[in-house]
Amino acid sequence: MSDRERRSFAFVRAADAPEDRKMIGHAAVFNQVTDIGGWFRERVMPGAFTDSIQADDIRALFNHNPDYVLGRNTAKTLTLSEDADGLKTVIDPPDTQFARDLAVSIGRGDITQMSFAFQVLEEEWTRGEKEQLDLRSIKKVRLFDVSPVTFPAYEGTDIALRSHKAWAESQPQVTPAPQPDPTVLPSLAYRRQLLTRGY
């Protein structure tokens, strides 16, 4: 697809053993200005991914290569959401040789970047002052994939290997609503009934 673009991001941190892990981080960060090949500056605005992550079929790949699929949102092996920092990415990689090799490379710090492939649907351009490059603010995209990559274009994001257990323990715990005592309900109902009768 001719209008497909890719952007890369940095910082992958090592964590848990590769045989029991998720790849968790941010595939994009908001409001970070970067130079795109000396042609223009660019930043991603909050909300740019909201519609796409709800509607589109998105993959997690390695180096944008469709031969190396790490996850897919429609299969629930890739979870994408926007938080205060950017595009939060949670990949549940397959138990395959290439995914295990990638986990080792991430753990060693050899792979320390991510990238995302996208099509711009809404943008805003600001002319650069003096010798500054023009600035493109990306406001809405169609997202195709997120990928750990060898070389980044952006700096400032994060991705880490975390065990399934550690990830589960980090999730917000929902406290069940207290259940009414069935032995109390009849008396309360009876009192309400008496009150409505004027006693």
N, C-alpha and C. Protein backbone atom coordinates (compact mmCIF):
# COMPACT_ATOMS: atom_id res chain seq x y z
N MET A 1 0.85 -1.18 0.00
CA MET A 1 0.00 0.00 0.00
C MET A 1 0.89 1.23 0.00
N SER A 2 0.74 2.10 -0.99
CA SER A 2 1.70 3.17 -1.21
C SER A 2 1.68 4.22 -0.11
N ASP A 3 0.54 4.43 0.56
CA ASP A 3 0.46 5.48 1.56
C ASP A 3 0.71 4.95 2.97
N ARG A 4 1.25 3.75 3.07
CA ARG A 4 1.59 3.20 4.38
C ARG A 4 2.91 3.78 4.86
N GLU A 5 2.96 4.22 6.11
CA GLU A 5 4.17 4.78 6.69
C GLU A 5 4.57 3.97 7.91
N ARG A 6 5.84 4.11 8.29
CA ARG A 6 6.35 3.43 9.47
C ARG A 6 7.11 4.41 10.33
N ARG A 7 6.99 4.26 11.64
CA ARG A 7 7.76 5.06 12.58
C ARG A 7 8.33 4.14 13.64
N SER A 8 9.53 4.46 14.13
CA SER A 8 10.19 3.61 15.11
C SER A 8 10.37 4.34 16.42
N PHE A 9 10.54 3.57 17.47
CA PHE A 9 10.64 4.12 18.81
C PHE A 9 11.67 3.35 19.61
N ALA A 10 12.13 3.92 20.71
CA ALA A 10 13.15 3.31 21.52
C ALA A 10 12.66 3.04 22.92
N PHE A 11 13.07 2.21 23.54
CA PHE A 11 13.82 1.68 24.62
C PHE A 11 13.18 0.39 25.09
N VAL A 12 13.85 -0.68 24.85
CA VAL A 12 13.39 -2.00 25.27
C VAL A 12 14.18 -2.41 26.49
N ARG A 13 13.50 -2.85 27.52
CA ARG A 13 14.18 -3.28 28.74
C ARG A 13 14.04 -4.78 28.92
N ALA A 14 15.04 -5.39 29.49
CA ALA A 14 15.02 -6.83 29.75
C ALA A 14 14.24 -7.11 31.01
N ALA A 15 13.66 -8.32 31.10
CA ALA A 15 12.97 -8.71 32.34
C ALA A 15 12.97 -10.21 32.47
N ASP A 16 11.78 -10.82 32.45
CA ASP A 16 11.64 -12.19 32.88
C ASP A 16 12.07 -13.21 31.82
N ALA A 17 12.04 -14.46 32.25
CA ALA A 17 12.49 -15.55 31.39
C ALA A 17 11.64 -15.64 30.13
N PRO A 18 12.25 -15.94 28.96
CA PRO A 18 11.53 -15.92 27.70
C PRO A 18 10.43 -16.96 27.60
N GLU A 19 10.49 -18.02 28.39
CA GLU A 19 9.47 -19.06 28.23
C GLU A 19 8.15 -18.69 28.88
N ASP A 20 8.09 -17.61 29.67
CA ASP A 20 6.87 -17.21 30.34
C ASP A 20 6.82 -15.70 30.40
N ARG A 21 6.45 -15.07 29.27
CA ARG A 21 6.56 -13.63 29.22
C ARG A 21 5.56 -12.99 28.27
N LYS A 22 5.30 -11.73 28.53
CA LYS A 22 4.62 -10.85 27.60
C LYS A 22 5.59 -9.75 27.23
N MET A 23 5.37 -9.13 26.07
CA MET A 23 6.14 -7.97 25.65
C MET A 23 5.24 -6.77 25.84
N ILE A 24 5.60 -5.91 26.80
CA ILE A 24 4.72 -4.83 27.22
C ILE A 24 5.45 -3.50 27.13
N GLY A 25 4.79 -2.50 26.57
CA GLY A 25 5.40 -1.17 26.51
C GLY A 25 4.53 -0.20 25.75
N HIS A 26 5.16 0.77 25.11
CA HIS A 26 4.47 1.77 24.30
C HIS A 26 5.07 1.78 22.90
N ALA A 27 4.25 1.56 21.90
CA ALA A 27 4.72 1.57 20.51
C ALA A 27 4.76 2.98 19.94
N ALA A 28 4.19 3.93 20.63
CA ALA A 28 4.25 5.34 20.22
C ALA A 28 4.10 6.18 21.47
N VAL A 29 4.68 7.35 21.45
CA VAL A 29 4.52 8.30 22.55
C VAL A 29 3.91 9.59 21.99
N PHE A 30 3.09 10.23 22.80
CA PHE A 30 2.40 11.43 22.36
C PHE A 30 3.27 12.67 22.55
N ASN A 31 3.07 13.62 21.62
CA ASN A 31 3.65 14.97 21.72
C ASN A 31 5.17 15.00 21.72
N GLN A 32 5.81 13.95 21.21
CA GLN A 32 7.27 13.95 21.08
C GLN A 32 7.61 14.31 19.63
N VAL A 33 8.35 15.40 19.46
CA VAL A 33 8.69 15.87 18.11
C VAL A 33 9.96 15.19 17.64
N THR A 34 9.92 14.68 16.41
CA THR A 34 11.11 14.03 15.84
C THR A 34 11.31 14.49 14.41
N ASP A 35 12.54 14.40 13.95
CA ASP A 35 12.91 14.76 12.59
C ASP A 35 12.71 13.55 11.68
N ILE A 36 11.93 13.72 10.64
CA ILE A 36 11.68 12.63 9.68
C ILE A 36 12.56 12.84 8.46
N GLY A 37 13.74 12.24 8.50
CA GLY A 37 14.64 12.24 7.36
C GLY A 37 15.11 13.60 6.90
N GLY A 38 15.02 14.63 7.74
CA GLY A 38 15.41 15.97 7.32
C GLY A 38 14.39 16.65 6.43
N TRP A 39 13.23 16.00 6.23
CA TRP A 39 12.19 16.57 5.37
C TRP A 39 11.20 17.40 6.17
N PHE A 40 10.81 16.92 7.34
CA PHE A 40 9.87 17.63 8.19
C PHE A 40 9.96 17.07 9.61
N ARG A 41 9.37 17.79 10.54
CA ARG A 41 9.24 17.30 11.90
C ARG A 41 7.85 16.69 12.08
N GLU A 42 7.73 15.84 13.08
CA GLU A 42 6.47 15.13 13.25
C GLU A 42 6.22 14.86 14.73
N ARG A 43 4.94 14.86 15.10
CA ARG A 43 4.54 14.43 16.43
C ARG A 43 3.19 13.73 16.33
N VAL A 44 2.96 12.81 17.24
CA VAL A 44 1.69 12.07 17.31
C VAL A 44 0.86 12.66 18.43
N MET A 45 -0.39 12.98 18.13
CA MET A 45 -1.26 13.61 19.11
C MET A 45 -2.09 12.58 19.87
N PRO A 46 -2.43 12.87 21.12
CA PRO A 46 -3.33 11.98 21.86
C PRO A 46 -4.64 11.77 21.10
N GLY A 47 -5.11 10.55 21.10
CA GLY A 47 -6.34 10.22 20.40
C GLY A 47 -6.14 9.75 18.97
N ALA A 48 -4.89 9.79 18.48
CA ALA A 48 -4.64 9.43 17.08
C ALA A 48 -4.98 7.97 16.78
N PHE A 49 -4.88 7.10 17.79
CA PHE A 49 -5.09 5.67 17.55
C PHE A 49 -6.45 5.16 18.02
N THR A 50 -7.22 6.01 18.69
CA THR A 50 -8.43 5.56 19.38
C THR A 50 -9.37 4.77 18.47
N ASP A 51 -9.72 5.33 17.33
CA ASP A 51 -10.68 4.66 16.44
C ASP A 51 -10.09 3.38 15.84
N SER A 52 -8.83 3.44 15.44
CA SER A 52 -8.23 2.30 14.75
C SER A 52 -8.11 1.08 15.66
N ILE A 53 -7.70 1.29 16.91
CA ILE A 53 -7.50 0.13 17.79
C ILE A 53 -8.83 -0.52 18.17
N GLN A 54 -9.93 0.19 17.97
CA GLN A 54 -11.23 -0.40 18.24
C GLN A 54 -11.82 -1.08 17.01
N ALA A 55 -11.43 -0.62 15.81
CA ALA A 55 -12.10 -1.08 14.60
C ALA A 55 -11.26 -1.95 13.68
N ASP A 56 -9.93 -1.82 13.72
CA ASP A 56 -9.08 -2.45 12.70
C ASP A 56 -8.43 -3.74 13.17
N ASP A 57 -8.06 -4.56 12.20
CA ASP A 57 -7.36 -5.83 12.43
C ASP A 57 -5.86 -5.54 12.39
N ILE A 58 -5.22 -5.55 13.56
CA ILE A 58 -3.84 -5.07 13.69
C ILE A 58 -2.93 -6.20 14.15
N ARG A 59 -1.74 -6.28 13.58
CA ARG A 59 -0.77 -7.31 13.95
C ARG A 59 0.39 -6.73 14.74
N ALA A 60 1.04 -7.60 15.48
CA ALA A 60 2.37 -7.31 16.04
C ALA A 60 3.35 -8.17 15.25
N LEU A 61 4.33 -7.53 14.63
CA LEU A 61 5.30 -8.23 13.78
C LEU A 61 6.70 -7.94 14.32
N PHE A 62 7.68 -8.64 13.78
CA PHE A 62 9.07 -8.31 14.04
C PHE A 62 9.65 -7.66 12.80
N ASN A 63 10.18 -6.44 12.95
CA ASN A 63 10.73 -5.68 11.82
C ASN A 63 9.73 -5.51 10.68
N HIS A 64 8.45 -5.42 11.01
CA HIS A 64 7.37 -5.22 10.03
C HIS A 64 7.28 -6.36 9.02
N ASN A 65 7.87 -7.48 9.34
CA ASN A 65 7.89 -8.61 8.40
C ASN A 65 6.68 -9.51 8.66
N PRO A 66 5.78 -9.65 7.68
CA PRO A 66 4.58 -10.47 7.89
C PRO A 66 4.87 -11.95 8.06
N ASP A 67 6.11 -12.36 7.83
CA ASP A 67 6.48 -13.76 8.08
C ASP A 67 6.70 -14.03 9.57
N TYR A 68 6.82 -12.95 10.37
CA TYR A 68 7.12 -13.09 11.80
C TYR A 68 6.02 -12.43 12.63
N VAL A 69 4.92 -13.14 12.78
CA VAL A 69 3.76 -12.62 13.51
C VAL A 69 3.89 -12.94 15.00
N LEU A 70 3.87 -11.88 15.81
CA LEU A 70 3.97 -12.04 17.26
C LEU A 70 2.60 -12.03 17.94
N GLY A 71 1.64 -11.38 17.33
CA GLY A 71 0.31 -11.29 17.93
C GLY A 71 -0.66 -10.60 16.98
N ARG A 72 -1.94 -10.62 17.37
CA ARG A 72 -2.98 -10.02 16.55
C ARG A 72 -4.14 -9.64 17.45
N ASN A 73 -4.63 -8.42 17.29
CA ASN A 73 -5.66 -7.99 18.23
C ASN A 73 -6.95 -8.78 18.10
N THR A 74 -7.31 -9.20 16.89
CA THR A 74 -8.54 -9.98 16.73
C THR A 74 -8.42 -11.37 17.33
N ALA A 75 -7.19 -11.85 17.53
CA ALA A 75 -6.97 -13.14 18.18
C ALA A 75 -6.75 -12.99 19.69
N LYS A 76 -6.78 -11.71 20.15
CA LYS A 76 -6.59 -11.40 21.57
C LYS A 76 -5.17 -11.77 22.06
N THR A 77 -4.23 -11.82 21.13
CA THR A 77 -2.82 -12.01 21.49
C THR A 77 -2.04 -10.69 21.40
N LEU A 78 -2.75 -9.63 21.01
CA LEU A 78 -2.20 -8.27 21.00
C LEU A 78 -3.27 -7.35 21.57
N THR A 79 -2.89 -6.59 22.59
CA THR A 79 -3.81 -5.63 23.20
C THR A 79 -3.23 -4.24 23.05
N LEU A 80 -4.03 -3.34 22.50
CA LEU A 80 -3.61 -1.96 22.28
C LEU A 80 -4.57 -1.02 22.98
N SER A 81 -4.02 0.02 23.58
CA SER A 81 -4.86 1.03 24.22
C SER A 81 -4.06 2.33 24.30
N GLU A 82 -4.76 3.43 24.48
CA GLU A 82 -4.09 4.71 24.69
C GLU A 82 -4.09 5.04 26.17
N ASP A 83 -2.93 5.44 26.70
CA ASP A 83 -2.87 5.95 28.06
C ASP A 83 -2.24 7.34 28.02
N ALA A 84 -1.85 7.86 29.16
CA ALA A 84 -1.34 9.22 29.21
C ALA A 84 -0.04 9.38 28.42
N ASP A 85 0.72 8.30 28.25
CA ASP A 85 2.02 8.38 27.58
C ASP A 85 1.94 8.16 26.08
N GLY A 86 1.07 7.26 25.64
CA GLY A 86 1.01 6.96 24.21
C GLY A 86 0.23 5.70 23.92
N LEU A 87 0.69 4.95 22.92
CA LEU A 87 0.03 3.73 22.49
C LEU A 87 0.57 2.55 23.29
N LYS A 88 -0.16 2.13 24.29
CA LYS A 88 0.27 1.01 25.12
C LYS A 88 0.08 -0.29 24.36
N THR A 89 1.11 -1.14 24.39
CA THR A 89 1.14 -2.37 23.61
C THR A 89 1.44 -3.55 24.53
N VAL A 90 0.58 -4.55 24.48
CA VAL A 90 0.81 -5.79 25.22
C VAL A 90 0.76 -6.94 24.23
N ILE A 91 1.89 -7.62 24.03
CA ILE A 91 1.99 -8.73 23.09
C ILE A 91 2.15 -10.03 23.86
N ASP A 92 1.32 -11.00 23.54
CA ASP A 92 1.45 -12.35 24.09
C ASP A 92 2.05 -13.22 22.98
N PRO A 93 3.38 -13.31 22.91
CA PRO A 93 4.02 -13.93 21.74
C PRO A 93 3.81 -15.43 21.69
N PRO A 94 3.90 -16.02 20.50
CA PRO A 94 3.72 -17.46 20.37
C PRO A 94 4.93 -18.24 20.88
N ASP A 95 4.72 -19.49 21.18
CA ASP A 95 5.82 -20.36 21.60
C ASP A 95 6.46 -20.95 20.36
N THR A 96 7.14 -20.07 19.60
CA THR A 96 7.82 -20.47 18.37
C THR A 96 9.29 -20.10 18.48
N GLN A 97 10.10 -20.68 17.61
CA GLN A 97 11.53 -20.45 17.71
C GLN A 97 11.89 -18.99 17.50
N PHE A 98 11.30 -18.34 16.49
CA PHE A 98 11.68 -16.96 16.22
C PHE A 98 11.26 -16.05 17.38
N ALA A 99 10.11 -16.33 18.01
CA ALA A 99 9.65 -15.50 19.13
C ALA A 99 10.56 -15.70 20.35
N ARG A 100 11.00 -16.95 20.57
CA ARG A 100 11.93 -17.20 21.67
C ARG A 100 13.27 -16.51 21.41
N ASP A 101 13.73 -16.57 20.16
CA ASP A 101 14.99 -15.89 19.81
C ASP A 101 14.86 -14.38 20.02
N LEU A 102 13.72 -13.82 19.62
CA LEU A 102 13.51 -12.38 19.80
C LEU A 102 13.51 -12.02 21.28
N ALA A 103 12.85 -12.85 22.09
CA ALA A 103 12.82 -12.59 23.54
C ALA A 103 14.23 -12.58 24.12
N VAL A 104 15.08 -13.47 23.66
CA VAL A 104 16.46 -13.49 24.12
C VAL A 104 17.18 -12.20 23.70
N SER A 105 16.95 -11.77 22.46
CA SER A 105 17.59 -10.54 21.97
C SER A 105 17.12 -9.33 22.75
N ILE A 106 15.84 -9.29 23.08
CA ILE A 106 15.33 -8.19 23.90
C ILE A 106 15.94 -8.25 25.30
N GLY A 107 15.97 -9.45 25.85
CA GLY A 107 16.54 -9.61 27.18
C GLY A 107 18.00 -9.20 27.26
N ARG A 108 18.76 -9.44 26.19
CA ARG A 108 20.17 -9.06 26.14
C ARG A 108 20.37 -7.57 25.87
N GLY A 109 19.30 -6.89 25.42
CA GLY A 109 19.43 -5.49 25.05
C GLY A 109 19.88 -5.27 23.63
N ASP A 110 19.84 -6.33 22.79
CA ASP A 110 20.23 -6.19 21.38
C ASP A 110 19.12 -5.53 20.56
N ILE A 111 17.88 -5.82 20.89
CA ILE A 111 16.73 -5.18 20.25
C ILE A 111 16.16 -4.20 21.27
N THR A 112 16.26 -2.90 20.95
CA THR A 112 15.87 -1.89 21.93
C THR A 112 14.92 -0.84 21.34
N GLN A 113 14.20 -1.19 20.29
CA GLN A 113 13.32 -0.22 19.65
C GLN A 113 12.00 -0.85 19.20
N MET A 114 11.02 0.04 18.92
CA MET A 114 9.78 -0.38 18.27
C MET A 114 9.44 0.57 17.14
N SER A 115 8.50 0.16 16.32
CA SER A 115 8.03 0.97 15.20
C SER A 115 6.56 0.65 14.98
N PHE A 116 5.83 1.55 14.33
CA PHE A 116 4.45 1.24 13.96
C PHE A 116 4.21 1.64 12.52
N ALA A 117 3.42 0.84 11.80
CA ALA A 117 3.07 1.10 10.41
C ALA A 117 1.65 1.64 10.37
N PHE A 118 1.45 2.71 9.59
CA PHE A 118 0.17 3.41 9.66
C PHE A 118 -0.13 4.17 8.38
N GLN A 119 -1.38 4.58 8.26
CA GLN A 119 -1.83 5.48 7.20
C GLN A 119 -2.44 6.69 7.88
N VAL A 120 -2.00 7.88 7.50
CA VAL A 120 -2.53 9.10 8.10
C VAL A 120 -3.92 9.39 7.53
N LEU A 121 -4.88 9.58 8.43
CA LEU A 121 -6.24 9.94 8.03
C LEU A 121 -6.55 11.40 8.32
N GLU A 122 -5.88 11.96 9.34
CA GLU A 122 -6.09 13.36 9.67
C GLU A 122 -4.79 13.94 10.21
N GLU A 123 -4.41 15.10 9.69
CA GLU A 123 -3.15 15.72 10.08
C GLU A 123 -3.28 17.23 10.05
N GLU A 124 -2.32 17.89 10.68
CA GLU A 124 -2.28 19.36 10.68
C GLU A 124 -0.83 19.79 10.51
N TRP A 125 -0.60 20.71 9.58
CA TRP A 125 0.75 21.18 9.30
C TRP A 125 0.96 22.58 9.85
N THR A 126 2.13 22.80 10.45
CA THR A 126 2.53 24.12 10.94
C THR A 126 3.86 24.49 10.30
N ARG A 127 3.91 25.65 9.67
CA ARG A 127 5.14 26.07 9.00
C ARG A 127 6.21 26.37 10.04
N GLY A 128 7.42 25.85 9.80
CA GLY A 128 8.52 26.07 10.72
C GLY A 128 9.01 27.50 10.72
N GLU A 129 9.39 27.98 11.88
CA GLU A 129 9.91 29.34 11.98
C GLU A 129 11.42 29.36 11.68
N LYS A 130 11.86 30.43 11.00
CA LYS A 130 13.26 30.61 10.63
C LYS A 130 13.76 29.37 9.88
N GLU A 131 14.74 28.64 10.45
CA GLU A 131 15.29 27.50 9.74
C GLU A 131 14.68 26.17 10.20
N GLN A 132 13.65 26.23 11.01
CA GLN A 132 13.00 25.00 11.46
C GLN A 132 12.25 24.33 10.33
N LEU A 133 12.21 22.99 10.38
CA LEU A 133 11.41 22.24 9.43
C LEU A 133 9.93 22.38 9.78
N ASP A 134 9.08 22.24 8.76
CA ASP A 134 7.64 22.25 9.01
C ASP A 134 7.28 21.10 9.96
N LEU A 135 6.21 21.29 10.73
CA LEU A 135 5.79 20.31 11.72
C LEU A 135 4.46 19.68 11.31
N ARG A 136 4.47 18.37 11.23
CA ARG A 136 3.22 17.64 10.98
C ARG A 136 2.71 17.06 12.30
N SER A 137 1.49 17.40 12.66
CA SER A 137 0.85 16.82 13.84
C SER A 137 -0.14 15.76 13.36
N ILE A 138 0.13 14.53 13.72
CA ILE A 138 -0.73 13.41 13.30
C ILE A 138 -1.88 13.29 14.29
N LYS A 139 -3.11 13.43 13.79
CA LYS A 139 -4.28 13.48 14.67
C LYS A 139 -5.14 12.22 14.59
N LYS A 140 -5.04 11.51 13.47
CA LYS A 140 -5.84 10.28 13.34
C LYS A 140 -5.17 9.38 12.32
N VAL A 141 -5.01 8.10 12.65
CA VAL A 141 -4.36 7.15 11.75
C VAL A 141 -5.17 5.87 11.64
N ARG A 142 -4.88 5.13 10.60
CA ARG A 142 -5.26 3.72 10.51
C ARG A 142 -3.99 2.93 10.80
N LEU A 143 -4.03 2.10 11.81
CA LEU A 143 -2.85 1.36 12.26
C LEU A 143 -2.83 -0.02 11.62
N PHE A 144 -1.67 -0.41 11.07
CA PHE A 144 -1.51 -1.72 10.44
C PHE A 144 -0.77 -2.70 11.34
N ASP A 145 0.35 -2.25 11.90
CA ASP A 145 1.09 -3.14 12.80
C ASP A 145 1.95 -2.34 13.75
N VAL A 146 2.34 -3.00 14.84
CA VAL A 146 3.37 -2.51 15.76
C VAL A 146 4.47 -3.56 15.75
N SER A 147 5.73 -3.10 15.82
CA SER A 147 6.84 -4.03 15.64
C SER A 147 8.05 -3.67 16.47
N PRO A 148 8.62 -4.62 17.22
CA PRO A 148 10.00 -4.44 17.66
C PRO A 148 10.89 -4.39 16.41
N VAL A 149 11.85 -3.47 16.38
CA VAL A 149 12.69 -3.31 15.19
C VAL A 149 14.16 -3.16 15.58
N THR A 150 15.01 -3.31 14.59
CA THR A 150 16.44 -3.17 14.81
C THR A 150 16.86 -1.71 14.89
N PHE A 151 16.24 -0.85 14.06
CA PHE A 151 16.60 0.57 14.02
C PHE A 151 15.36 1.43 14.26
N PRO A 152 15.45 2.41 15.18
CA PRO A 152 14.30 3.27 15.48
C PRO A 152 14.35 4.60 14.74
N ALA A 153 13.19 5.29 14.68
CA ALA A 153 13.16 6.67 14.20
C ALA A 153 12.83 7.62 15.33
N TYR A 154 12.01 7.18 16.28
CA TYR A 154 11.65 7.98 17.45
C TYR A 154 12.43 7.50 18.67
N GLU A 155 12.57 8.38 19.67
CA GLU A 155 13.14 8.03 20.96
C GLU A 155 12.05 8.24 22.02
N GLY A 156 12.11 7.47 23.09
CA GLY A 156 11.27 7.78 24.24
C GLY A 156 10.24 6.75 24.62
N THR A 157 10.04 5.69 23.85
CA THR A 157 9.07 4.69 24.26
C THR A 157 9.75 3.58 25.04
N ASP A 158 8.96 2.60 25.48
CA ASP A 158 9.53 1.50 26.26
C ASP A 158 8.82 0.20 25.91
N ILE A 159 9.56 -0.88 26.01
CA ILE A 159 8.98 -2.21 25.91
C ILE A 159 9.82 -3.14 26.78
N ALA A 160 9.17 -4.09 27.43
CA ALA A 160 9.89 -4.97 28.34
C ALA A 160 9.31 -6.37 28.26
N LEU A 161 10.10 -7.34 28.65
CA LEU A 161 9.62 -8.70 28.84
C LEU A 161 9.16 -8.82 30.28
N ARG A 162 7.94 -9.27 30.46
CA ARG A 162 7.44 -9.48 31.81
C ARG A 162 6.72 -10.82 31.86
N SER A 163 6.85 -11.50 32.99
CA SER A 163 6.18 -12.80 33.12
C SER A 163 4.68 -12.60 33.16
N HIS A 164 3.95 -13.62 32.75
CA HIS A 164 2.49 -13.58 32.81
C HIS A 164 2.04 -13.28 34.23
N LYS A 165 2.69 -13.88 35.21
CA LYS A 165 2.31 -13.69 36.60
C LYS A 165 2.52 -12.25 37.03
N ALA A 166 3.70 -11.68 36.70
CA ALA A 166 3.98 -10.31 37.07
C ALA A 166 3.01 -9.35 36.39
N TRP A 167 2.70 -9.63 35.13
CA TRP A 167 1.76 -8.78 34.41
C TRP A 167 0.38 -8.85 35.05
N ALA A 168 -0.08 -10.05 35.37
CA ALA A 168 -1.40 -10.20 35.98
C ALA A 168 -1.47 -9.49 37.32
N GLU A 169 -0.38 -9.59 38.09
CA GLU A 169 -0.37 -8.95 39.41
C GLU A 169 -0.34 -7.43 39.31
N SER A 170 0.12 -6.90 38.17
CA SER A 170 0.18 -5.45 38.01
C SER A 170 -1.15 -4.85 37.57
N GLN A 171 -2.11 -5.69 37.17
CA GLN A 171 -3.39 -5.19 36.70
C GLN A 171 -4.23 -4.70 37.87
N PRO A 172 -5.02 -3.65 37.63
CA PRO A 172 -5.89 -3.15 38.71
C PRO A 172 -6.82 -4.25 39.20
N GLN A 173 -6.91 -4.39 40.51
CA GLN A 173 -7.78 -5.39 41.10
C GLN A 173 -9.16 -4.81 41.34
N VAL A 174 -10.16 -5.49 40.85
CA VAL A 174 -11.54 -5.05 41.02
C VAL A 174 -12.11 -5.73 42.25
N THR A 175 -12.51 -4.94 43.23
CA THR A 175 -13.09 -5.48 44.44
C THR A 175 -14.58 -5.72 44.23
N PRO A 176 -15.03 -6.95 44.43
CA PRO A 176 -16.46 -7.22 44.23
C PRO A 176 -17.31 -6.39 45.17
N ALA A 177 -18.47 -5.97 44.67
CA ALA A 177 -19.39 -5.22 45.51
C ALA A 177 -19.88 -6.10 46.65
N PRO A 178 -20.00 -5.54 47.86
CA PRO A 178 -20.47 -6.35 48.98
C PRO A 178 -21.88 -6.86 48.73
N GLN A 179 -22.10 -8.11 49.06
CA GLN A 179 -23.40 -8.73 48.87
C GLN A 179 -24.25 -8.52 50.13
N PRO A 180 -25.53 -8.20 49.95
CA PRO A 180 -26.39 -8.00 51.12
C PRO A 180 -26.57 -9.28 51.91
N ASP A 181 -26.71 -9.11 53.20
CA ASP A 181 -26.95 -10.24 54.09
C ASP A 181 -28.40 -10.70 53.92
N PRO A 182 -28.61 -11.91 53.42
CA PRO A 182 -29.99 -12.36 53.17
C PRO A 182 -30.83 -12.41 54.44
N THR A 183 -30.21 -12.52 55.61
CA THR A 183 -31.00 -12.57 56.85
C THR A 183 -31.50 -11.20 57.25
N VAL A 184 -30.87 -10.14 56.70
CA VAL A 184 -31.28 -8.78 57.04
C VAL A 184 -32.35 -8.26 56.09
N LEU A 185 -32.31 -8.71 54.85
CA LEU A 185 -33.22 -8.18 53.84
C LEU A 185 -34.70 -8.25 54.23
N PRO A 186 -35.18 -9.37 54.75
CA PRO A 186 -36.61 -9.42 55.05
C PRO A 186 -37.03 -8.36 56.06
N SER A 187 -36.21 -8.15 57.09
CA SER A 187 -36.59 -7.18 58.10
C SER A 187 -36.57 -5.76 57.54
N LEU A 188 -35.58 -5.45 56.65
CA LEU A 188 -35.54 -4.13 56.05
C LEU A 188 -36.74 -3.92 55.14
N ALA A 189 -37.05 -4.92 54.36
CA ALA A 189 -38.21 -4.81 53.47
C ALA A 189 -39.49 -4.63 54.27
N TYR A 190 -39.57 -5.35 55.37
CA TYR A 190 -40.76 -5.24 56.21
C TYR A 190 -40.89 -3.84 56.81
N ARG A 191 -39.74 -3.25 57.23
CA ARG A 191 -39.78 -1.92 57.80
C ARG A 191 -40.20 -0.89 56.75
N ARG A 192 -39.67 -1.03 55.53
CA ARG A 192 -40.07 -0.11 54.47
C ARG A 192 -41.57 -0.21 54.20
N GLN A 193 -42.06 -1.43 54.23
CA GLN A 193 -43.49 -1.65 53.99
C GLN A 193 -44.33 -0.96 55.08
N LEU A 194 -43.86 -1.06 56.30
CA LEU A 194 -44.59 -0.42 57.41
C LEU A 194 -44.58 1.09 57.25
N LEU A 195 -43.41 1.64 56.80
CA LEU A 195 -43.30 3.09 56.65
C LEU A 195 -44.23 3.60 55.56
N THR A 196 -44.35 2.87 54.47
CA THR A 196 -45.24 3.30 53.39
C THR A 196 -46.71 3.23 53.80
N ARG A 197 -47.01 2.43 54.79
CA ARG A 197 -48.39 2.32 55.27
C ARG A 197 -48.73 3.36 56.33
N GLY A 198 -47.70 4.06 56.76
CA GLY A 198 -47.96 5.12 57.74
C GLY A 198 -47.90 4.68 59.15
N TYR A 199 -47.35 3.51 59.45
CA TYR A 199 -47.25 3.05 60.84
C TYR A 199 -46.05 3.68 61.50
